[in-house]
Amino acid sequence: RMTVLENVMVGLHTQIHAPGYMLGSAIGIGGKAERAARERARE
């Protein structure tokens, strides 16, 4: 039920270190960590 991009972002949740960053950021919680994860997922 997640998008292709979101599925790829899930693979980054143990590596993106930021206060409050967790799996939930992959499904729409904003912030610098999510933007970094989104960029790496698109790459």
PDB file of all heavy atoms in Angstrom:
ATOM      1  N   ARG A   1       0.810  -1.219   0.000  1.00  0.00           N
ATOM      2  CA  ARG A   1       0.000   0.000   0.000  1.00  0.00           C
ATOM      3  C   ARG A   1       0.846   1.274   0.000  1.00  0.00           C
ATOM      4  O   ARG A   1       0.308   2.368   0.131  1.00  0.00           O
ATOM      5  CB  ARG A   1      -0.963  -0.007   1.183  1.00  0.00           C
ATOM      6  CG  ARG A   1      -1.950  -1.162   1.122  1.00  0.00           C
ATOM      7  CD  ARG A   1      -3.018  -1.062   2.189  1.00  0.00           C
ATOM      8  NE  ARG A   1      -3.942  -2.188   2.124  1.00  0.00           N
ATOM      9  CZ  ARG A   1      -4.975  -2.255   1.286  1.00  0.00           C
ATOM     10  NH1 ARG A   1      -5.212  -1.256   0.455  1.00  0.00           N
ATOM     11  NH2 ARG A   1      -5.763  -3.304   1.290  1.00  0.00           N
ATOM     12  N   MET A   2       2.143   1.116  -0.136  1.00  0.00           N
ATOM     13  CA  MET A   2       3.031   2.270  -0.217  1.00  0.00           C
ATOM     14  C   MET A   2       3.504   2.445  -1.647  1.00  0.00           C
ATOM     15  O   MET A   2       3.418   1.535  -2.475  1.00  0.00           O
ATOM     16  CB  MET A   2       4.218   2.083   0.732  1.00  0.00           C
ATOM     17  CG  MET A   2       3.824   2.084   2.204  1.00  0.00           C
ATOM     18  SD  MET A   2       5.161   1.570   3.319  1.00  0.00           S
ATOM     19  CE  MET A   2       6.328   2.893   3.062  1.00  0.00           C
ATOM     20  N   THR A   3       4.005   3.626  -1.976  1.00  0.00           N
ATOM     21  CA  THR A   3       4.511   3.872  -3.319  1.00  0.00           C
ATOM     22  C   THR A   3       5.879   3.223  -3.498  1.00  0.00           C
ATOM     23  O   THR A   3       6.525   2.792  -2.528  1.00  0.00           O
ATOM     24  CB  THR A   3       4.647   5.379  -3.597  1.00  0.00           C
ATOM     25  OG1 THR A   3       5.682   5.914  -2.757  1.00  0.00           O
ATOM     26  CG2 THR A   3       3.342   6.109  -3.364  1.00  0.00           C
ATOM     27  N   VAL A   4       6.307   3.172  -4.744  1.00  0.00           N
ATOM     28  CA  VAL A   4       7.635   2.647  -5.053  1.00  0.00           C
ATOM     29  C   VAL A   4       8.700   3.425  -4.297  1.00  0.00           C
ATOM     30  O   VAL A   4       9.594   2.848  -3.667  1.00  0.00           O
ATOM     31  CB  VAL A   4       7.883   2.731  -6.582  1.00  0.00           C
ATOM     32  CG1 VAL A   4       9.356   2.500  -6.916  1.00  0.00           C
ATOM     33  CG2 VAL A   4       7.004   1.727  -7.317  1.00  0.00           C
ATOM     34  N   LEU A   5       8.605   4.755  -4.330  1.00  0.00           N
ATOM     35  CA  LEU A   5       9.594   5.597  -3.654  1.00  0.00           C
ATOM     36  C   LEU A   5       9.591   5.343  -2.151  1.00  0.00           C
ATOM     37  O   LEU A   5      10.652   5.234  -1.525  1.00  0.00           O
ATOM     38  CB  LEU A   5       9.312   7.068  -3.947  1.00  0.00           C
ATOM     39  CG  LEU A   5      10.319   8.064  -3.356  1.00  0.00           C
ATOM     40  CD1 LEU A   5      11.673   7.928  -4.031  1.00  0.00           C
ATOM     41  CD2 LEU A   5       9.799   9.501  -3.492  1.00  0.00           C
ATOM     42  N   GLU A   6       8.413   5.255  -1.553  1.00  0.00           N
ATOM     43  CA  GLU A   6       8.326   5.028  -0.114  1.00  0.00           C
ATOM     44  C   GLU A   6       8.928   3.689   0.285  1.00  0.00           C
ATOM     45  O   GLU A   6       9.588   3.568   1.315  1.00  0.00           O
ATOM     46  CB  GLU A   6       6.866   5.115   0.332  1.00  0.00           C
ATOM     47  CG  GLU A   6       6.315   6.535   0.303  1.00  0.00           C
ATOM     48  CD  GLU A   6       4.802   6.590   0.426  1.00  0.00           C
ATOM     49  OE1 GLU A   6       4.158   5.525   0.326  1.00  0.00           O
ATOM     50  OE2 GLU A   6       4.279   7.701   0.612  1.00  0.00           O
ATOM     51  N   ASN A   7       8.717   2.669  -0.543  1.00  0.00           N
ATOM     52  CA  ASN A   7       9.312   1.364  -0.263  1.00  0.00           C
ATOM     53  C   ASN A   7      10.830   1.428  -0.258  1.00  0.00           C
ATOM     54  O   ASN A   7      11.478   0.799   0.577  1.00  0.00           O
ATOM     55  CB  ASN A   7       8.835   0.335  -1.290  1.00  0.00           C
ATOM     56  CG  ASN A   7       7.597  -0.409  -0.852  1.00  0.00           C
ATOM     57  OD1 ASN A   7       7.665  -1.349  -0.077  1.00  0.00           O
ATOM     58  ND2 ASN A   7       6.447   0.045  -1.339  1.00  0.00           N
ATOM     59  N   VAL A   8      11.395   2.195  -1.166  1.00  0.00           N
ATOM     60  CA  VAL A   8      12.853   2.331  -1.204  1.00  0.00           C
ATOM     61  C   VAL A   8      13.337   3.118   0.015  1.00  0.00           C
ATOM     62  O   VAL A   8      14.360   2.789   0.611  1.00  0.00           O
ATOM     63  CB  VAL A   8      13.303   3.003  -2.515  1.00  0.00           C
ATOM     64  CG1 VAL A   8      14.813   3.239  -2.512  1.00  0.00           C
ATOM     65  CG2 VAL A   8      12.911   2.137  -3.718  1.00  0.00           C
ATOM     66  N   MET A   9      12.587   4.138   0.410  1.00  0.00           N
ATOM     67  CA  MET A   9      12.965   4.941   1.575  1.00  0.00           C
ATOM     68  C   MET A   9      12.988   4.121   2.863  1.00  0.00           C
ATOM     69  O   MET A   9      13.774   4.395   3.764  1.00  0.00           O
ATOM     70  CB  MET A   9      12.006   6.123   1.717  1.00  0.00           C
ATOM     71  CG  MET A   9      12.176   7.179   0.638  1.00  0.00           C
ATOM     72  SD  MET A   9      10.873   8.432   0.692  1.00  0.00           S
ATOM     73  CE  MET A   9      11.241   9.230   2.248  1.00  0.00           C
ATOM     74  N   VAL A  10      12.136   3.110   2.948  1.00  0.00           N
ATOM     75  CA  VAL A  10      12.110   2.258   4.136  1.00  0.00           C
ATOM     76  C   VAL A  10      13.475   1.624   4.370  1.00  0.00           C
ATOM     77  O   VAL A  10      13.917   1.439   5.500  1.00  0.00           O
ATOM     78  CB  VAL A  10      11.019   1.173   3.999  1.00  0.00           C
ATOM     79  CG1 VAL A  10      11.181   0.098   5.063  1.00  0.00           C
ATOM     80  CG2 VAL A  10       9.634   1.802   4.106  1.00  0.00           C
ATOM     81  N   GLY A  11      14.191   1.316   3.282  1.00  0.00           N
ATOM     82  CA  GLY A  11      15.507   0.717   3.409  1.00  0.00           C
ATOM     83  C   GLY A  11      16.550   1.643   4.004  1.00  0.00           C
ATOM     84  O   GLY A  11      17.657   1.205   4.323  1.00  0.00           O
ATOM     85  N   LEU A  12      16.206   2.907   4.188  1.00  0.00           N
ATOM     86  CA  LEU A  12      17.146   3.883   4.725  1.00  0.00           C
ATOM     87  C   LEU A  12      16.886   4.234   6.175  1.00  0.00           C
ATOM     88  O   LEU A  12      17.629   5.002   6.764  1.00  0.00           O
ATOM     89  CB  LEU A  12      17.078   5.165   3.884  1.00  0.00           C
ATOM     90  CG  LEU A  12      17.502   5.036   2.426  1.00  0.00           C
ATOM     91  CD1 LEU A  12      17.081   6.276   1.649  1.00  0.00           C
ATOM     92  CD2 LEU A  12      18.997   4.832   2.323  1.00  0.00           C
ATOM     93  N   HIS A  13      15.857   3.651   6.781  1.00  0.00           N
ATOM     94  CA  HIS A  13      15.431   4.147   8.096  1.00  0.00           C
ATOM     95  C   HIS A  13      16.453   3.879   9.198  1.00  0.00           C
ATOM     96  O   HIS A  13      16.443   4.547  10.213  1.00  0.00           O
ATOM     97  CB  HIS A  13      14.067   3.575   8.473  1.00  0.00           C
ATOM     98  CG  HIS A  13      14.098   2.164   8.961  1.00  0.00           C
ATOM     99  ND1 HIS A  13      14.117   1.092   8.095  1.00  0.00           N
ATOM    100  CD2 HIS A  13      14.114   1.647  10.216  1.00  0.00           C
ATOM    101  CE1 HIS A  13      14.132  -0.026   8.804  1.00  0.00           C
ATOM    102  NE2 HIS A  13      14.133   0.274  10.087  1.00  0.00           N
ATOM    103  N   THR A  14      17.363   2.935   9.002  1.00  0.00           N
ATOM    104  CA  THR A  14      18.382   2.698  10.034  1.00  0.00           C
ATOM    105  C   THR A  14      19.621   3.563   9.834  1.00  0.00           C
ATOM    106  O   THR A  14      20.506   3.566  10.684  1.00  0.00           O
ATOM    107  CB  THR A  14      18.826   1.224  10.031  1.00  0.00           C
ATOM    108  OG1 THR A  14      19.420   0.904   8.767  1.00  0.00           O
ATOM    109  CG2 THR A  14      17.657   0.310  10.294  1.00  0.00           C
ATOM    110  N   GLN A  15      19.683   4.268   8.696  1.00  0.00           N
ATOM    111  CA  GLN A  15      20.893   5.018   8.383  1.00  0.00           C
ATOM    112  C   GLN A  15      20.726   6.523   8.472  1.00  0.00           C
ATOM    113  O   GLN A  15      21.701   7.248   8.620  1.00  0.00           O
ATOM    114  CB  GLN A  15      21.387   4.656   6.970  1.00  0.00           C
ATOM    115  CG  GLN A  15      21.933   3.238   6.883  1.00  0.00           C
ATOM    116  CD  GLN A  15      22.701   3.033   5.605  1.00  0.00           C
ATOM    117  OE1 GLN A  15      22.439   3.675   4.596  1.00  0.00           O
ATOM    118  NE2 GLN A  15      23.670   2.151   5.633  1.00  0.00           N
ATOM    119  N   ILE A  16      19.520   7.023   8.314  1.00  0.00           N
ATOM    120  CA  ILE A  16      19.298   8.460   8.376  1.00  0.00           C
ATOM    121  C   ILE A  16      19.135   8.855   9.836  1.00  0.00           C
ATOM    122  O   ILE A  16      18.166   8.491  10.487  1.00  0.00           O
ATOM    123  CB  ILE A  16      18.040   8.874   7.586  1.00  0.00           C
ATOM    124  CG1 ILE A  16      18.157   8.401   6.136  1.00  0.00           C
ATOM    125  CG2 ILE A  16      17.841  10.365   7.661  1.00  0.00           C
ATOM    126  CD1 ILE A  16      19.274   9.029   5.362  1.00  0.00           C
ATOM    127  N   HIS A  17      20.105   9.581  10.356  1.00  0.00           N
ATOM    128  CA  HIS A  17      20.106   9.917  11.778  1.00  0.00           C
ATOM    129  C   HIS A  17      19.622  11.354  11.981  1.00  0.00           C
ATOM    130  O   HIS A  17      20.261  12.308  11.541  1.00  0.00           O
ATOM    131  CB  HIS A  17      21.507   9.753  12.365  1.00  0.00           C
ATOM    132  CG  HIS A  17      22.025   8.358  12.214  1.00  0.00           C
ATOM    133  ND1 HIS A  17      21.529   7.304  12.932  1.00  0.00           N
ATOM    134  CD2 HIS A  17      22.991   7.848  11.405  1.00  0.00           C
ATOM    135  CE1 HIS A  17      22.169   6.194  12.593  1.00  0.00           C
ATOM    136  NE2 HIS A  17      23.050   6.499  11.672  1.00  0.00           N
ATOM    137  N   ALA A  18      18.488  11.459  12.627  1.00  0.00           N
ATOM    138  CA  ALA A  18      17.959  12.780  12.958  1.00  0.00           C
ATOM    139  C   ALA A  18      16.987  12.612  14.104  1.00  0.00           C
ATOM    140  O   ALA A  18      16.367  11.564  14.250  1.00  0.00           O
ATOM    141  CB  ALA A  18      17.251  13.409  11.743  1.00  0.00           C
ATOM    142  N   PRO A  19      16.812  13.648  14.954  1.00  0.00           N
ATOM    143  CA  PRO A  19      15.872  13.534  16.069  1.00  0.00           C
ATOM    144  C   PRO A  19      14.480  13.188  15.567  1.00  0.00           C
ATOM    145  O   PRO A  19      13.935  13.858  14.691  1.00  0.00           O
ATOM    146  CB  PRO A  19      15.905  14.929  16.709  1.00  0.00           C
ATOM    147  CG  PRO A  19      17.248  15.489  16.313  1.00  0.00           C
ATOM    148  CD  PRO A  19      17.515  14.948  14.934  1.00  0.00           C
ATOM    149  N   GLY A  20      13.913  12.111  16.104  1.00  0.00           N
ATOM    150  CA  GLY A  20      12.554  11.749  15.754  1.00  0.00           C
ATOM    151  C   GLY A  20      12.407  11.022  14.437  1.00  0.00           C
ATOM    152  O   GLY A  20      11.308  10.656  14.056  1.00  0.00           O
ATOM    153  N   TYR A  21      13.522  10.786  13.709  1.00  0.00           N
ATOM    154  CA  TYR A  21      13.386  10.107  12.420  1.00  0.00           C
ATOM    155  C   TYR A  21      13.102   8.631  12.652  1.00  0.00           C
ATOM    156  O   TYR A  21      13.764   7.966  13.425  1.00  0.00           O
ATOM    157  CB  TYR A  21      14.645  10.250  11.561  1.00  0.00           C
ATOM    158  CG  TYR A  21      14.467   9.605  10.205  1.00  0.00           C
ATOM    159  CD1 TYR A  21      13.826  10.300   9.187  1.00  0.00           C
ATOM    160  CD2 TYR A  21      14.884   8.295   9.979  1.00  0.00           C
ATOM    161  CE1 TYR A  21      13.627   9.707   7.953  1.00  0.00           C
ATOM    162  CE2 TYR A  21      14.683   7.699   8.749  1.00  0.00           C
ATOM    163  CZ  TYR A  21      14.045   8.408   7.742  1.00  0.00           C
ATOM    164  OH  TYR A  21      13.842   7.811   6.537  1.00  0.00           O
ATOM    165  N   MET A  22      12.095   8.113  11.964  1.00  0.00           N
ATOM    166  CA  MET A  22      11.749   6.697  12.086  1.00  0.00           C
ATOM    167  C   MET A  22      11.034   6.303  10.812  1.00  0.00           C
ATOM    168  O   MET A  22      10.938   7.059   9.850  1.00  0.00           O
ATOM    169  CB  MET A  22      10.865   6.455  13.312  1.00  0.00           C
ATOM    170  CG  MET A  22       9.559   7.220  13.296  1.00  0.00           C
ATOM    171  SD  MET A  22       8.622   6.996  14.803  1.00  0.00           S
ATOM    172  CE  MET A  22       9.633   7.967  15.923  1.00  0.00           C
ATOM    173  N   LEU A  23      10.532   5.065  10.817  1.00  0.00           N
ATOM    174  CA  LEU A  23       9.842   4.557   9.641  1.00  0.00           C
ATOM    175  C   LEU A  23       8.726   5.481   9.199  1.00  0.00           C
ATOM    176  O   LEU A  23       8.473   5.641   8.015  1.00  0.00           O
ATOM    177  CB  LEU A  23       9.284   3.164   9.948  1.00  0.00           C
ATOM    178  CG  LEU A  23       8.514   2.451   8.835  1.00  0.00           C
ATOM    179  CD1 LEU A  23       9.406   2.276   7.614  1.00  0.00           C
ATOM    180  CD2 LEU A  23       8.001   1.104   9.317  1.00  0.00           C
ATOM    181  N   GLY A  24       8.084   6.130  10.136  1.00  0.00           N
ATOM    182  CA  GLY A  24       6.977   7.005   9.789  1.00  0.00           C
ATOM    183  C   GLY A  24       7.361   8.120   8.843  1.00  0.00           C
ATOM    184  O   GLY A  24       6.534   8.612   8.086  1.00  0.00           O
ATOM    185  N   SER A  25       8.626   8.550   8.849  1.00  0.00           N
ATOM    186  CA  SER A  25       9.028   9.638   7.964  1.00  0.00           C
ATOM    187  C   SER A  25       8.929   9.245   6.514  1.00  0.00           C
ATOM    188  O   SER A  25       8.824  10.097   5.630  1.00  0.00           O
ATOM    189  CB  SER A  25      10.461  10.068   8.279  1.00  0.00           C
ATOM    190  OG  SER A  25      11.367   9.048   7.944  1.00  0.00           O
ATOM    191  N   ALA A  26       8.960   7.935   6.262  1.00  0.00           N
ATOM    192  CA  ALA A  26       8.853   7.473   4.880  1.00  0.00           C
ATOM    193  C   ALA A  26       7.441   7.616   4.342  1.00  0.00           C
ATOM    194  O   ALA A  26       7.216   7.477   3.154  1.00  0.00           O
ATOM    195  CB  ALA A  26       9.295   6.013   4.774  1.00  0.00           C
ATOM    196  N   ILE A  27       6.473   7.902   5.209  1.00  0.00           N
ATOM    197  CA  ILE A  27       5.095   8.004   4.730  1.00  0.00           C
ATOM    198  C   ILE A  27       4.529   9.402   4.959  1.00  0.00           C
ATOM    199  O   ILE A  27       3.342   9.587   5.167  1.00  0.00           O
ATOM    200  CB  ILE A  27       4.206   6.940   5.394  1.00  0.00           C
ATOM    201  CG1 ILE A  27       4.265   7.014   6.921  1.00  0.00           C
ATOM    202  CG2 ILE A  27       4.578   5.548   4.935  1.00  0.00           C
ATOM    203  CD1 ILE A  27       3.288   6.068   7.608  1.00  0.00           C
ATOM    204  N   GLY A  28       5.430  10.396   4.942  1.00  0.00           N
ATOM    205  CA  GLY A  28       4.923  11.748   4.864  1.00  0.00           C
ATOM    206  C   GLY A  28       5.280  12.715   5.958  1.00  0.00           C
ATOM    207  O   GLY A  28       4.865  13.865   5.906  1.00  0.00           O
ATOM    208  N   ILE A  29       5.984  12.309   7.000  1.00  0.00           N
ATOM    209  CA  ILE A  29       6.412  13.262   8.019  1.00  0.00           C
ATOM    210  C   ILE A  29       7.595  14.040   7.471  1.00  0.00           C
ATOM    211  O   ILE A  29       8.579  13.459   7.050  1.00  0.00           O
ATOM    212  CB  ILE A  29       6.805  12.532   9.324  1.00  0.00           C
ATOM    213  CG1 ILE A  29       5.590  11.776   9.868  1.00  0.00           C
ATOM    214  CG2 ILE A  29       7.321  13.504  10.363  1.00  0.00           C
ATOM    215  CD1 ILE A  29       5.906  10.887  11.043  1.00  0.00           C
ATOM    216  N   GLY A  30       7.529  15.357   7.454  1.00  0.00           N
ATOM    217  CA  GLY A  30       8.538  16.162   6.794  1.00  0.00           C
ATOM    218  C   GLY A  30       9.835  16.275   7.563  1.00  0.00           C
ATOM    219  O   GLY A  30      10.056  15.631   8.570  1.00  0.00           O
ATOM    220  N   GLY A  31      10.723  17.148   7.029  1.00  0.00           N
ATOM    221  CA  GLY A  31      11.977  17.396   7.712  1.00  0.00           C
ATOM    222  C   GLY A  31      13.172  17.087   6.843  1.00  0.00           C
ATOM    223  O   GLY A  31      13.076  16.477   5.772  1.00  0.00           O
ATOM    224  N   LYS A  32      14.333  17.534   7.323  1.00  0.00           N
ATOM    225  CA  LYS A  32      15.585  17.365   6.583  1.00  0.00           C
ATOM    226  C   LYS A  32      15.916  15.900   6.337  1.00  0.00           C
ATOM    227  O   LYS A  32      16.370  15.526   5.260  1.00  0.00           O
ATOM    228  CB  LYS A  32      16.709  18.034   7.364  1.00  0.00           C
ATOM    229  CG  LYS A  32      18.048  18.015   6.656  1.00  0.00           C
ATOM    230  CD  LYS A  32      19.085  18.769   7.465  1.00  0.00           C
ATOM    231  CE  LYS A  32      20.442  18.773   6.759  1.00  0.00           C
ATOM    232  NZ  LYS A  32      21.462  19.506   7.554  1.00  0.00           N
ATOM    233  N   ALA A  33      15.682  15.050   7.338  1.00  0.00           N
ATOM    234  CA  ALA A  33      15.992  13.626   7.199  1.00  0.00           C
ATOM    235  C   ALA A  33      15.168  12.991   6.092  1.00  0.00           C
ATOM    236  O   ALA A  33      15.677  12.206   5.292  1.00  0.00           O
ATOM    237  CB  ALA A  33      15.749  12.905   8.520  1.00  0.00           C
ATOM    238  N   GLU A  34      13.885  13.333   6.047  1.00  0.00           N
ATOM    239  CA  GLU A  34      13.041  12.757   5.000  1.00  0.00           C
ATOM    240  C   GLU A  34      13.482  13.231   3.622  1.00  0.00           C
ATOM    241  O   GLU A  34      13.501  12.463   2.665  1.00  0.00           O
ATOM    242  CB  GLU A  34      11.569  13.101   5.210  1.00  0.00           C
ATOM    243  CG  GLU A  34      10.681  12.410   4.167  1.00  0.00           C
ATOM    244  CD  GLU A  34       9.257  12.906   4.167  1.00  0.00           C
ATOM    245  OE1 GLU A  34       8.894  13.677   5.061  1.00  0.00           O
ATOM    246  OE2 GLU A  34       8.522  12.524   3.248  1.00  0.00           O
ATOM    247  N   ARG A  35      13.845  14.488   3.498  1.00  0.00           N
ATOM    248  CA  ARG A  35      14.281  14.998   2.195  1.00  0.00           C
ATOM    249  C   ARG A  35      15.547  14.287   1.728  1.00  0.00           C
ATOM    250  O   ARG A  35      15.694  13.960   0.546  1.00  0.00           O
ATOM    251  CB  ARG A  35      14.516  16.517   2.278  1.00  0.00           C
ATOM    252  CG  ARG A  35      13.225  17.328   2.416  1.00  0.00           C
ATOM    253  CD  ARG A  35      13.472  18.805   2.164  1.00  0.00           C
ATOM    254  NE  ARG A  35      14.366  19.394   3.156  1.00  0.00           N
ATOM    255  CZ  ARG A  35      13.970  19.897   4.313  1.00  0.00           C
ATOM    256  NH1 ARG A  35      12.682  19.867   4.646  1.00  0.00           N
ATOM    257  NH2 ARG A  35      14.841  20.425   5.161  1.00  0.00           N
ATOM    258  N   ALA A  36      16.465  14.040   2.661  1.00  0.00           N
ATOM    259  CA  ALA A  36      17.690  13.322   2.319  1.00  0.00           C
ATOM    260  C   ALA A  36      17.375  11.901   1.880  1.00  0.00           C
ATOM    261  O   ALA A  36      17.927  11.392   0.892  1.00  0.00           O
ATOM    262  CB  ALA A  36      18.644  13.313   3.510  1.00  0.00           C
ATOM    263  N   ALA A  37      16.475  11.245   2.604  1.00  0.00           N
ATOM    264  CA  ALA A  37      16.093   9.878   2.261  1.00  0.00           C
ATOM    265  C   ALA A  37      15.393   9.834   0.907  1.00  0.00           C
ATOM    266  O   ALA A  37      15.632   8.943   0.090  1.00  0.00           O
ATOM    267  CB  ALA A  37      15.194   9.301   3.343  1.00  0.00           C
ATOM    268  N   ARG A  38      14.547  10.820   0.655  1.00  0.00           N
ATOM    269  CA  ARG A  38      13.814  10.861  -0.615  1.00  0.00           C
ATOM    270  C   ARG A  38      14.785  11.033  -1.789  1.00  0.00           C
ATOM    271  O   ARG A  38      14.639  10.391  -2.833  1.00  0.00           O
ATOM    272  CB  ARG A  38      12.797  12.006  -0.579  1.00  0.00           C
ATOM    273  CG  ARG A  38      11.774  11.995  -1.691  1.00  0.00           C
ATOM    274  CD  ARG A  38      10.709  13.055  -1.431  1.00  0.00           C
ATOM    275  NE  ARG A  38       9.915  12.744  -0.252  1.00  0.00           N
ATOM    276  CZ  ARG A  38       8.837  11.968  -0.281  1.00  0.00           C
ATOM    277  NH1 ARG A  38       8.427  11.433  -1.421  1.00  0.00           N
ATOM    278  NH2 ARG A  38       8.160  11.731   0.822  1.00  0.00           N
ATOM    279  N   GLU A  39      15.781  11.881  -1.619  1.00  0.00           N
ATOM    280  CA  GLU A  39      16.755  12.100  -2.685  1.00  0.00           C
ATOM    281  C   GLU A  39      17.561  10.826  -2.967  1.00  0.00           C
ATOM    282  O   GLU A  39      17.767  10.455  -4.120  1.00  0.00           O
ATOM    283  CB  GLU A  39      17.705  13.240  -2.297  1.00  0.00           C
ATOM    284  CG  GLU A  39      18.743  13.550  -3.373  1.00  0.00           C
ATOM    285  CD  GLU A  39      19.644  14.708  -2.979  1.00  0.00           C
ATOM    286  OE1 GLU A  39      19.347  15.391  -1.976  1.00  0.00           O
ATOM    287  OE2 GLU A  39      20.642  14.922  -3.680  1.00  0.00           O
ATOM    288  N   ARG A  40      18.004  10.166  -1.911  1.00  0.00           N
ATOM    289  CA  ARG A  40      18.770   8.937  -2.099  1.00  0.00           C
ATOM    290  C   ARG A  40      17.919   7.839  -2.714  1.00  0.00           C
ATOM    291  O   ARG A  40      18.393   7.049  -3.538  1.00  0.00           O
ATOM    292  CB  ARG A  40      19.362   8.489  -0.765  1.00  0.00           C
ATOM    293  CG  ARG A  40      20.589   9.298  -0.388  1.00  0.00           C
ATOM    294  CD  ARG A  40      21.115   8.978   0.982  1.00  0.00           C
ATOM    295  NE  ARG A  40      21.472   7.572   1.155  1.00  0.00           N
ATOM    296  CZ  ARG A  40      22.040   7.093   2.248  1.00  0.00           C
ATOM    297  NH1 ARG A  40      22.304   7.907   3.265  1.00  0.00           N
ATOM    298  NH2 ARG A  40      22.347   5.825   2.340  1.00  0.00           N
ATOM    299  N   ALA A  41      16.648   7.782  -2.342  1.00  0.00           N
ATOM    300  CA  ALA A  41      15.753   6.782  -2.911  1.00  0.00           C
ATOM    301  C   ALA A  41      15.550   7.031  -4.399  1.00  0.00           C
ATOM    302  O   ALA A  41      15.546   6.084  -5.209  1.00  0.00           O
ATOM    303  CB  ALA A  41      14.415   6.795  -2.179  1.00  0.00           C
ATOM    304  N   ARG A  42      15.385   8.284  -4.784  1.00  0.00           N
ATOM    305  CA  ARG A  42      15.215   8.594  -6.205  1.00  0.00           C
ATOM    306  C   ARG A  42      16.483   8.252  -6.992  1.00  0.00           C
ATOM    307  O   ARG A  42      16.407   7.777  -8.139  1.00  0.00           O
ATOM    308  CB  ARG A  42      14.854  10.068  -6.390  1.00  0.00           C
ATOM    309  CG  ARG A  42      13.453  10.418  -5.910  1.00  0.00           C
ATOM    310  CD  ARG A  42      12.996  11.765  -6.439  1.00  0.00           C
ATOM    311  NE  ARG A  42      11.708  12.145  -5.885  1.00  0.00           N
ATOM    312  CZ  ARG A  42      10.549  11.681  -6.317  1.00  0.00           C
ATOM    313  NH1 ARG A  42      10.504  10.822  -7.334  1.00  0.00           N
ATOM    314  NH2 ARG A  42       9.412  12.085  -5.755  1.00  0.00           N
ATOM    315  N   GLU A  43      17.648   8.486  -6.416  1.00  0.00           N
ATOM    316  CA  GLU A  43      18.899   8.113  -7.077  1.00  0.00           C
ATOM    317  C   GLU A  43      18.960   6.604  -7.305  1.00  0.00           C
ATOM    318  O   GLU A  43      19.388   6.144  -8.376  1.00  0.00           O
ATOM    319  CB  GLU A  43      20.087   8.547  -6.221  1.00  0.00           C
ATOM    320  CG  GLU A  43      20.314  10.047  -6.180  1.00  0.00           C
ATOM    321  CD  GLU A  43      21.409  10.431  -5.207  1.00  0.00           C
ATOM    322  OE1 GLU A  43      21.969   9.526  -4.524  1.00  0.00           O
ATOM    323  OE2 GLU A  43      21.726  11.635  -5.108  1.00  0.00           O
TER     324      GLU A  43
END
